[in-house]
Protein backbone atom coordinates (compact mmCIF):
# COMPACT_ATOMS: atom_id res chain seq x y z
CA MET A 1 60.99 94.71 93.12
CA LYS A 2 62.48 96.85 95.06
CA ILE A 3 61.96 100.73 95.55
CA GLY A 4 65.04 101.44 93.67
CA SER A 5 63.33 99.64 90.50
CA LEU A 6 60.71 102.63 91.04
CA PHE A 7 62.64 104.94 88.29
CA ASP A 8 63.90 102.07 85.84
CA GLU A 9 60.09 101.58 85.84
CA ILE A 10 59.48 104.62 84.06
CA LEU A 11 60.54 103.32 80.44
CA SER A 12 59.00 100.11 80.70
CA GLY A 13 55.76 98.26 79.83
CA ASN A 14 53.06 99.11 77.30
CA ASN A 15 51.93 102.45 78.28
CA LEU A 16 49.16 102.43 75.38
CA ALA A 17 47.82 99.05 77.40
CA ALA A 18 47.00 102.53 79.75
CA ILE A 19 43.42 102.87 77.95
CA LYS A 20 42.69 99.38 77.89
CA ASN A 21 43.26 99.19 82.37
CA PRO A 22 39.54 99.42 83.84
CA GLY A 23 40.59 100.83 86.72
CA LEU A 24 42.05 103.64 84.96
CA ARG A 25 39.02 103.88 83.25
CA LYS A 26 36.62 104.06 86.27
CA ASN A 27 38.99 106.99 87.36
CA ILE A 28 38.84 109.13 84.73
CA PHE A 29 34.93 108.48 85.28
CA ASN A 30 34.77 109.48 88.60
CA SER A 31 36.95 112.52 88.00
CA PHE A 32 33.95 113.81 86.36
CA TYR A 33 31.73 113.24 89.90
CA TYR A 34 35.26 114.78 91.93
CA PHE A 35 34.91 117.50 89.41
CA GLY A 36 31.17 117.90 89.44
CA GLY A 37 31.07 119.16 92.63
CA ASN A 38 33.20 121.96 92.29
CA PHE A 39 31.45 122.86 88.58
CA ILE A 40 27.97 123.54 89.78
CA GLN A 41 29.57 125.58 92.87
CA PHE A 42 31.09 127.39 90.06
CA LEU A 43 27.92 127.78 88.01
CA ILE A 44 26.00 128.84 90.94
CA ALA A 45 27.96 131.06 92.00
CA ILE A 46 28.02 132.75 88.72
CA ILE A 47 24.16 132.99 89.21
CA VAL A 48 23.98 134.48 93.29
CA GLN A 49 27.45 136.21 93.37
CA PRO A 50 25.26 139.33 91.65
CA ILE A 51 22.84 138.91 94.33
CA TYR A 52 25.13 139.04 97.19
CA SER A 53 27.30 142.26 95.87
CA ARG A 54 23.55 143.96 96.27
CA TYR A 55 22.55 142.90 99.78
CA LEU A 56 26.44 142.57 101.05
CA GLU A 57 29.05 145.85 101.56
CA LEU A 58 32.24 145.93 100.96
CA ASN A 59 32.76 146.10 104.75
CA ASP A 60 31.18 142.38 104.72
CA PHE A 61 33.01 141.03 102.01
CA ALA A 62 36.09 142.28 104.02
CA LEU A 63 34.81 140.52 107.00
CA ILE A 64 34.44 137.41 104.98
CA GLY A 65 37.81 137.66 102.96
CA TYR A 66 39.61 138.24 107.21
CA PHE A 67 38.03 135.23 108.68
CA ALA A 68 38.49 132.77 106.02
CA ALA A 69 42.37 134.14 106.27
CA ILE A 70 41.69 132.58 110.01
CA GLN A 71 40.42 129.89 109.33
CA ALA A 72 43.16 128.75 106.98
CA ILE A 73 45.44 129.26 109.71
CA LEU A 74 43.92 127.41 111.79
CA PHE A 75 42.92 124.24 109.20
CA PRO A 76 46.20 122.58 109.59
CA LEU A 77 46.16 122.31 113.50
CA PHE A 78 42.76 121.23 113.52
CA SER A 79 43.31 118.43 110.37
CA MET A 80 46.54 117.64 111.49
CA ASN A 81 47.19 116.15 108.52
CA LEU A 82 45.85 112.61 109.01
CA PRO A 83 44.15 112.00 105.57
CA PHE A 84 47.74 111.25 105.02
CA TYR A 85 48.17 109.12 107.72
CA TYR A 86 44.46 107.10 107.02
CA LEU A 87 45.20 106.62 102.90
CA SER A 88 48.88 105.70 104.06
CA LYS A 89 47.88 103.21 106.59
CA TYR A 90 44.36 101.85 104.40
CA TRP A 91 45.84 98.71 103.19
CA SER A 92 48.13 97.90 106.09
CA ARG A 93 46.74 94.70 108.36
CA ASN A 94 50.16 95.02 111.07
CA ASP A 95 49.11 93.98 114.65
CA GLY A 96 44.97 93.59 113.44
CA GLU A 97 44.88 97.45 111.59
CA THR A 98 41.69 98.08 109.83
CA PRO A 99 40.57 100.45 108.15
CA GLN A 100 37.23 100.57 110.15
CA LYS A 101 39.41 101.04 113.36
CA ASN A 102 41.67 103.24 112.05
CA LEU A 103 38.66 105.55 111.11
CA SER A 104 37.33 104.92 114.70
CA PHE A 105 40.37 106.03 116.11
CA ILE A 106 40.81 109.05 114.22
CA LEU A 107 37.81 110.67 114.51
CA ASN A 108 38.07 109.93 118.21
CA PHE A 109 41.45 111.69 118.79
CA LEU A 110 40.33 114.44 116.28
CA ASN A 111 37.29 115.15 118.60
CA ILE A 112 39.59 115.53 121.56
CA SER A 113 42.15 117.17 120.49
CA ASN A 114 39.81 119.73 118.43
CA GLY A 115 37.82 120.78 121.33
CA LEU A 116 41.35 121.62 123.34
CA ILE A 117 42.75 123.22 119.88
CA ALA A 118 39.14 125.45 119.54
CA VAL A 119 39.38 126.74 123.29
CA ILE A 120 43.18 127.97 122.61
CA SER A 121 42.26 129.22 119.27
CA PHE A 122 39.96 131.58 120.89
CA ILE A 123 41.70 132.29 123.61
CA PHE A 124 45.05 133.03 121.45
CA VAL A 125 42.82 135.21 118.12
CA SER A 126 41.05 137.18 121.46
CA VAL A 127 43.84 138.22 122.49
CA TYR A 128 45.48 138.83 119.42
CA PHE A 129 42.43 140.80 118.46
CA LYS A 130 43.04 143.07 121.27
CA VAL A 131 46.67 143.67 121.81
CA PHE A 132 46.58 144.83 117.64
CA ASN A 133 43.26 146.26 118.13
CA VAL A 134 41.38 144.76 114.84
CA SER A 135 39.17 146.94 113.26
CA PHE A 136 36.81 143.85 113.05
CA PRO A 137 34.28 142.14 115.05
CA LEU A 138 35.58 139.32 116.77
CA PHE A 139 31.90 137.22 117.19
CA PRO A 140 30.17 135.58 115.90
CA PHE A 141 32.17 135.28 113.09
CA LEU A 142 35.34 133.46 115.21
CA LEU A 143 32.25 131.35 116.72
CA ILE A 144 31.20 130.63 112.92
CA VAL A 145 34.72 129.65 112.31
CA LEU A 146 35.39 127.61 114.94
CA ILE A 147 32.28 125.50 114.66
CA GLN A 148 32.60 124.62 110.82
CA LEU A 149 36.47 122.97 111.57
CA LEU A 150 35.02 121.30 114.56
CA LEU A 151 32.11 119.66 112.26
CA GLU A 152 34.00 119.24 109.08
CA LYS A 153 36.37 116.43 109.93
CA PHE A 154 33.37 113.69 109.38
CA LYS A 155 32.67 114.89 105.61
CA THR A 156 36.06 114.93 105.33
CA TYR A 157 36.82 111.23 106.28
CA TYR A 158 33.50 110.03 104.28
CA LEU A 159 34.52 111.24 100.81
CA ILE A 160 38.04 110.00 101.16
CA GLU A 161 36.21 106.44 101.90
CA CYS A 162 34.36 107.41 98.68
CA ARG A 163 37.70 108.14 96.57
CA VAL A 164 39.11 104.93 97.78
CA GLN A 165 35.78 102.36 97.04
CA LYS A 166 35.23 104.21 93.84
CA LYS A 167 31.99 105.32 94.73
CA GLY A 168 31.74 108.92 92.98
CA LEU A 169 28.15 109.43 92.64
CA GLN A 170 27.96 109.73 96.66
CA PHE A 171 31.03 112.17 96.37
CA PHE A 172 29.14 113.93 93.97
CA LEU A 173 25.81 114.16 95.63
CA ILE A 174 27.55 114.97 99.55
CA ASN A 175 29.33 117.55 97.67
CA LEU A 176 25.61 118.41 95.84
CA LEU A 177 23.79 118.83 98.94
CA GLN A 178 26.31 121.16 100.47
CA ILE A 179 26.06 123.06 98.00
CA VAL A 180 22.22 123.59 97.58
CA ILE A 181 21.97 124.15 101.38
CA ASN A 182 24.94 126.52 101.72
CA THR A 183 22.80 129.06 98.77
CA GLY A 184 19.52 128.43 99.72
CA PHE A 185 20.14 129.50 103.83
CA SER A 186 23.25 132.08 102.66
CA LEU A 187 20.81 133.86 100.84
CA PHE A 188 17.75 133.40 102.93
CA PHE A 189 20.15 135.09 105.44
CA VAL A 190 21.72 137.93 103.57
CA VAL A 191 18.57 138.81 101.39
CA THR A 192 15.56 138.18 103.84
CA LEU A 193 17.03 138.57 107.02
CA LYS A 194 19.68 141.36 105.67
CA SER A 195 22.36 139.46 108.19
CA GLY A 196 25.17 140.89 106.03
CA ALA A 197 28.52 138.79 106.51
CA ALA A 198 27.18 136.60 109.43
CA GLY A 199 24.66 135.37 107.62
CA ARG A 200 26.88 134.21 104.79
CA MET A 201 29.61 132.14 106.71
CA SER A 202 26.43 130.80 108.22
CA GLY A 203 24.80 129.39 105.25
CA ILE A 204 28.13 128.08 104.35
CA LEU A 205 27.95 126.43 108.19
CA ILE A 206 24.74 124.95 107.68
CA GLY A 207 25.69 123.11 104.42
CA VAL A 208 29.29 121.96 106.20
CA ALA A 209 27.25 120.72 109.41
CA VAL A 210 24.55 118.81 107.49
CA THR A 211 26.74 117.16 105.46
CA SER A 212 28.79 115.88 108.28
CA PHE A 213 26.30 114.69 110.72
CA ILE A 214 24.95 112.83 107.53
CA ALA A 215 28.41 111.31 106.85
CA LEU A 216 28.53 110.43 110.59
CA ALA A 217 25.31 108.79 110.70
CA ILE A 218 26.63 106.81 107.39
CA PHE A 219 29.82 106.14 109.19
CA ILE A 220 27.98 104.72 113.07
CA LYS A 221 24.82 102.44 110.89
CA GLN A 222 27.60 100.94 108.58
CA GLY A 223 29.55 99.93 111.55
CA ARG A 224 32.53 102.04 110.39
CA TYR A 225 33.23 104.57 113.06
CA HIS A 226 32.54 103.73 117.02
CA PHE A 227 32.39 106.52 119.57
CA SER A 228 34.90 106.61 122.14
CA PHE A 229 36.26 109.36 124.41
CA LYS A 230 38.92 106.71 124.41
CA VAL A 231 42.58 106.27 122.08
CA ASP A 232 45.53 104.60 121.81
CA LYS A 233 48.18 106.41 123.38
CA ALA A 234 50.46 104.46 121.40
CA LYS A 235 49.05 104.90 118.36
CA VAL A 236 48.68 108.72 119.23
CA LYS A 237 52.09 108.75 119.41
CA LEU A 238 53.15 107.12 116.05
CA ALA A 239 50.12 109.04 114.09
CA LEU A 240 51.90 112.62 115.09
CA LYS A 241 55.17 111.54 114.95
CA TYR A 242 53.69 110.81 110.95
CA CYS A 243 52.00 114.61 110.93
CA ILE A 244 53.62 116.58 112.39
CA PRO A 245 56.07 117.14 110.06
CA LEU A 246 53.27 117.45 107.69
CA ILE A 247 51.60 119.90 109.65
CA ILE A 248 55.20 122.64 109.30
CA GLY A 249 55.25 121.44 105.68
CA SER A 250 51.72 123.02 105.28
CA TYR A 251 52.81 126.34 106.81
CA ALA A 252 56.35 126.17 104.69
CA TYR A 253 54.16 126.12 102.03
CA TYR A 254 51.88 128.78 102.97
CA PRO A 255 53.89 131.43 101.11
CA ILE A 256 54.22 129.18 97.81
CA GLY A 257 50.42 130.59 97.15
CA ASN A 258 49.83 133.48 98.93
CA THR A 259 53.35 135.47 98.92
CA ASP A 260 52.67 137.23 95.46
CA LEU A 261 49.40 138.60 96.45
CA LEU A 262 50.62 139.90 99.70
CA PHE A 263 53.86 141.68 97.29
CA LEU A 264 51.81 142.82 94.50
CA GLU A 265 49.60 144.70 96.18
CA ARG A 266 52.23 147.29 97.58
CA LEU A 267 52.55 148.32 93.59
CA GLY A 268 49.40 150.22 93.72
CA ASN A 269 48.60 149.10 90.18
CA THR A 270 45.23 148.21 91.01
CA ALA A 271 43.64 147.56 86.90
CA GLU A 272 46.74 145.41 86.75
CA TYR A 273 46.10 143.77 89.96
CA GLY A 274 42.61 142.98 88.41
CA TYR A 275 43.44 141.35 85.65
CA TYR A 276 45.98 139.29 87.49
CA SER A 277 43.58 137.92 89.76
CA ILE A 278 41.35 137.23 87.18
CA GLY A 279 44.10 135.15 85.52
CA LEU A 280 44.77 133.44 88.49
CA THR A 281 41.10 132.41 89.26
CA ILE A 282 39.75 131.42 85.91
CA ALA A 283 43.29 128.89 85.51
CA GLY A 284 41.79 127.52 88.94
CA PHE A 285 38.61 126.07 87.54
CA ALA A 286 41.44 123.94 85.38
CA GLY A 287 43.34 124.01 88.90
CA ALA A 288 40.12 122.42 90.27
CA PHE A 289 39.61 119.41 87.52
CA PHE A 290 43.71 118.57 87.88
CA ILE A 291 43.09 118.12 92.10
CA ALA A 292 39.84 116.31 90.65
CA LEU A 293 41.74 113.76 88.92
CA TYR A 294 44.38 113.04 91.13
CA GLN A 295 41.89 112.51 93.97
CA SER A 296 40.48 109.46 91.84
CA PHE A 297 44.13 108.06 91.57
CA GLU A 298 45.60 109.60 94.41
CA PRO A 299 43.56 105.75 96.55
CA ASP A 300 45.62 103.83 94.11
CA LEU A 301 48.86 105.21 93.88
CA TYR A 302 49.30 104.92 98.22
CA LYS A 303 48.01 101.16 97.82
CA PHE A 304 50.19 100.82 94.93
CA ILE A 305 52.87 101.41 96.71
CA SER A 306 51.80 99.39 99.97
CA GLU A 307 51.34 96.60 98.03
CA LYS A 308 55.03 97.21 95.98
CA LYS A 309 53.13 96.94 92.57
CA TYR A 310 55.41 99.40 90.94
CA LYS A 311 55.45 98.88 87.68
CA GLN A 312 51.50 99.67 88.12
CA TYR A 313 51.81 102.87 89.87
CA ILE A 314 53.69 104.16 87.06
CA LEU A 315 51.34 103.30 84.54
CA PHE A 316 48.77 105.18 86.20
CA LEU A 317 51.12 107.92 86.88
CA SER A 318 52.05 108.45 83.48
CA PHE A 319 48.76 108.55 82.18
CA TYR A 320 47.76 111.36 84.90
CA PHE A 321 50.47 113.38 83.84
CA SER A 322 49.57 112.70 80.18
CA VAL A 323 46.07 113.50 80.73
CA LEU A 324 47.03 116.92 82.61
CA ILE A 325 49.62 117.57 79.92
CA VAL A 326 46.66 117.04 77.42
CA LEU A 327 45.04 119.54 79.20
CA THR A 328 46.96 122.24 79.63
CA SER A 329 47.63 122.60 75.98
CA LEU A 330 43.61 122.76 74.99
CA PHE A 331 43.37 125.33 77.89
CA ILE A 332 46.73 127.54 76.71
CA LEU A 333 45.26 127.61 72.45
CA CYS A 334 41.43 128.02 73.55
CA SER A 335 42.07 130.72 77.02
CA ALA A 336 41.24 133.86 75.40
CA SER A 337 37.99 132.30 74.37
CA ILE A 338 37.13 130.71 77.74
CA VAL A 339 38.33 134.13 79.41
CA SER A 340 36.49 136.11 77.00
CA PHE A 341 33.39 134.19 77.51
CA LEU A 342 33.85 133.83 81.66
CA THR A 343 34.22 137.84 81.67
CA SER A 344 31.90 139.09 78.94
CA GLY A 345 34.28 140.45 77.13
CA ARG A 346 36.10 142.94 79.32
CA TYR A 347 38.75 141.84 80.27
CA THR A 348 40.14 139.27 77.86
CA TYR A 349 44.02 140.53 78.28
CA ALA A 350 44.08 138.28 81.38
CA SER A 351 44.21 135.13 79.16
CA THR A 352 47.93 136.42 78.99
CA TYR A 353 48.44 135.89 83.07
CA ALA A 354 46.41 133.00 82.85
CA ASN A 355 48.82 130.71 79.99
CA VAL A 356 51.38 131.16 82.34
CA PHE A 357 49.63 130.13 85.91
CA ILE A 358 47.87 127.18 84.35
CA VAL A 359 51.37 126.21 83.16
CA GLY A 360 52.75 126.24 87.09
CA MET A 361 49.59 124.43 87.74
CA LEU A 362 50.60 121.68 85.92
CA LEU A 363 54.09 121.46 87.17
CA MET A 364 52.86 121.46 91.08
CA GLN A 365 50.83 118.36 90.28
CA ILE A 366 53.64 116.86 88.80
CA GLY A 367 55.54 118.18 91.83
CA GLY A 368 52.98 117.45 94.36
CA VAL A 369 53.79 113.00 93.32
CA PHE A 370 56.98 113.03 95.42
CA GLU A 371 55.12 114.47 98.49
CA GLN A 372 52.68 111.80 97.75
CA LEU A 373 55.70 109.18 97.72
CA PHE A 374 56.90 111.03 100.88
CA THR A 375 53.61 110.34 102.64
CA ALA A 376 53.63 106.98 101.55
CA TYR A 377 56.83 106.03 102.50
CA GLY A 378 55.85 107.52 105.96
CA VAL A 379 59.21 109.76 105.60
CA THR A 380 56.79 112.60 106.40
CA LYS A 381 60.23 114.74 107.64
CA LEU A 382 61.36 115.01 103.79
CA ALA A 383 58.12 116.65 102.82
CA MET A 384 58.23 118.95 105.59
CA TRP A 385 61.84 120.09 104.91
CA ARG A 386 60.78 120.24 101.08
CA ASN A 387 58.10 122.87 101.59
CA ILE A 388 60.19 124.90 104.42
CA LEU A 389 63.03 125.12 101.28
CA VAL A 390 60.55 125.55 98.58
CA GLY A 391 58.69 128.26 100.71
CA GLY A 392 61.84 130.06 101.84
CA GLY A 393 63.18 130.60 98.62
CA CYS A 394 60.09 131.35 96.62
CA ILE A 395 59.78 134.19 99.54
CA LEU A 396 62.94 135.68 97.88
CA MET A 397 62.17 134.88 94.23
CA TYR A 398 58.57 136.64 94.11
CA TYR A 399 60.44 139.72 95.98
CA PHE A 400 63.16 139.99 93.16
CA MET A 401 61.26 139.46 90.44
CA ILE A 402 58.33 141.71 91.48
CA LYS A 403 60.83 144.36 92.64
CA ASN A 404 62.47 143.78 88.74
CA TYR A 405 59.34 143.07 86.27
CA GLN A 406 56.49 143.69 88.53
CA PHE A 407 53.32 141.51 87.62
CA HIS A 408 54.38 139.78 84.97
CA GLY A 409 57.90 138.89 86.89
CA SER A 410 55.18 137.63 89.77
CA ASN A 411 53.40 135.74 86.58
CA ILE A 412 56.72 133.53 85.60
CA THR A 413 57.85 133.09 89.17
CA ARG A 414 55.18 130.80 89.62
CA VAL A 415 56.42 128.58 86.94
CA ILE A 416 59.50 128.85 88.11
CA THR A 417 58.98 127.53 92.50
CA ALA A 418 56.97 124.45 90.33
CA ILE A 419 60.36 123.74 88.49
CA PHE A 420 62.01 124.45 91.91
CA TYR A 421 59.35 122.25 93.64
CA ILE A 422 59.52 119.29 91.23
CA LEU A 423 63.87 119.40 91.66
CA THR A 424 63.76 119.29 95.51
CA GLY A 425 61.09 116.87 95.56
CA ALA A 426 63.00 114.42 93.05
CA VAL A 427 66.82 114.83 94.57
CA MET A 428 65.11 114.56 98.10
CA PHE A 429 63.48 111.37 97.13
CA PHE A 430 66.24 109.40 95.18
CA ILE A 431 68.61 110.20 98.12
CA TYR A 432 66.29 108.76 99.91
CA VAL A 433 66.54 105.46 97.53
CA LYS A 434 69.86 105.30 97.85
CA ASN A 435 70.38 105.53 101.20
CA LYS A 436 67.42 103.21 101.68
CA ARG A 437 69.28 100.71 99.02
CA ALA A 438 72.67 100.78 101.54
CA ARG A 439 70.82 100.58 104.17
CA ASN A 440 69.13 96.64 102.80
CA ILE A 441 72.14 95.63 101.22
CA HIS A 442 74.57 96.20 105.13
CA THR A 443 71.79 94.10 106.77
CA GLY A 444 71.58 91.45 103.68
CA LEU A 445 67.49 92.56 102.64
């Protein structure tokens, strides 16, 4: 079956058979493990947040938020979006490639590149603080951020392995361990030692460090990772060719989820901003389950593309979309009660925003499938240009809608942006398929 047959398969087959498919059942079951960590973290946050609020000052929360933003900016440079590359090559056996060889290559390459990026980042951020007279202290916060970024790759790839091998329980346990360590040390540093923001951030760092070293030990014990300072330059060039467009795309994607929050602050309506933020946060809980569910399906989607099993790909994708639509509908029906419960009945009005946010999140998940297709086929430049186009477009849309319709205009722009995200992905993928068909006909393949 050729790539063009992908669209022809959408309506074919008996989709009711999905319920009986053991692979699908296992994915659904594992998704609860993937979501379990987020759910437990949410429950713990409800308990400990009041404690943090008693022992942390407003300046501490500002520091934590500010350096979280710095970490978000640096993250794509440290990860280099290589998890996509790893997944796309996982089932490839060209030139003796194996997951073990690719894992060792990627981690060894990141060990070297992350060291260089950490030094450059330290210099750049230090100069930025000095030139712009940033009021926040630089130390020890920047060091905490850089160390965390250096270490967390080991846990990241361990979680990928858990997802690929359908080891949902191991995925859940390593996340649970990090949550427990993070919470325990954070409370100790903040409450007992009264170390403020540095203590809170240090607690998070210790959780990342412990679980990352455990993941590294597991890799070494299983013979899946072999440490070396030598890396294959040809493979580095190939990996960078694949990942650089994704890195650029990551930065281009940044405005999609953040522009509204920056523009709305300028309106000066703190109360409405609070309702908007609560609606976004609560919808985000459902969105976290969407992501957890996708994480269960993602390895299979890459595998089916690699093995050209397009019918199975469409079957899994159709079932995934169906589940998302059902969950979104249930959330909207129950949103008032959900928001009332989570806010002790004080901010039920936020459900008005949450209902629109969840629709936007649903559509973004649907649109995200095209990015998976772009990365699976190795045409990462399409993902980059798509994010640049949508990121630039959403800035203009947010500016216009917020200026004219304020908070509700911004809210609906999340949906408009998601629709634009789907349409651009569909058009680009259609053009790619059409061009690939033409090349195959021309070469006689």
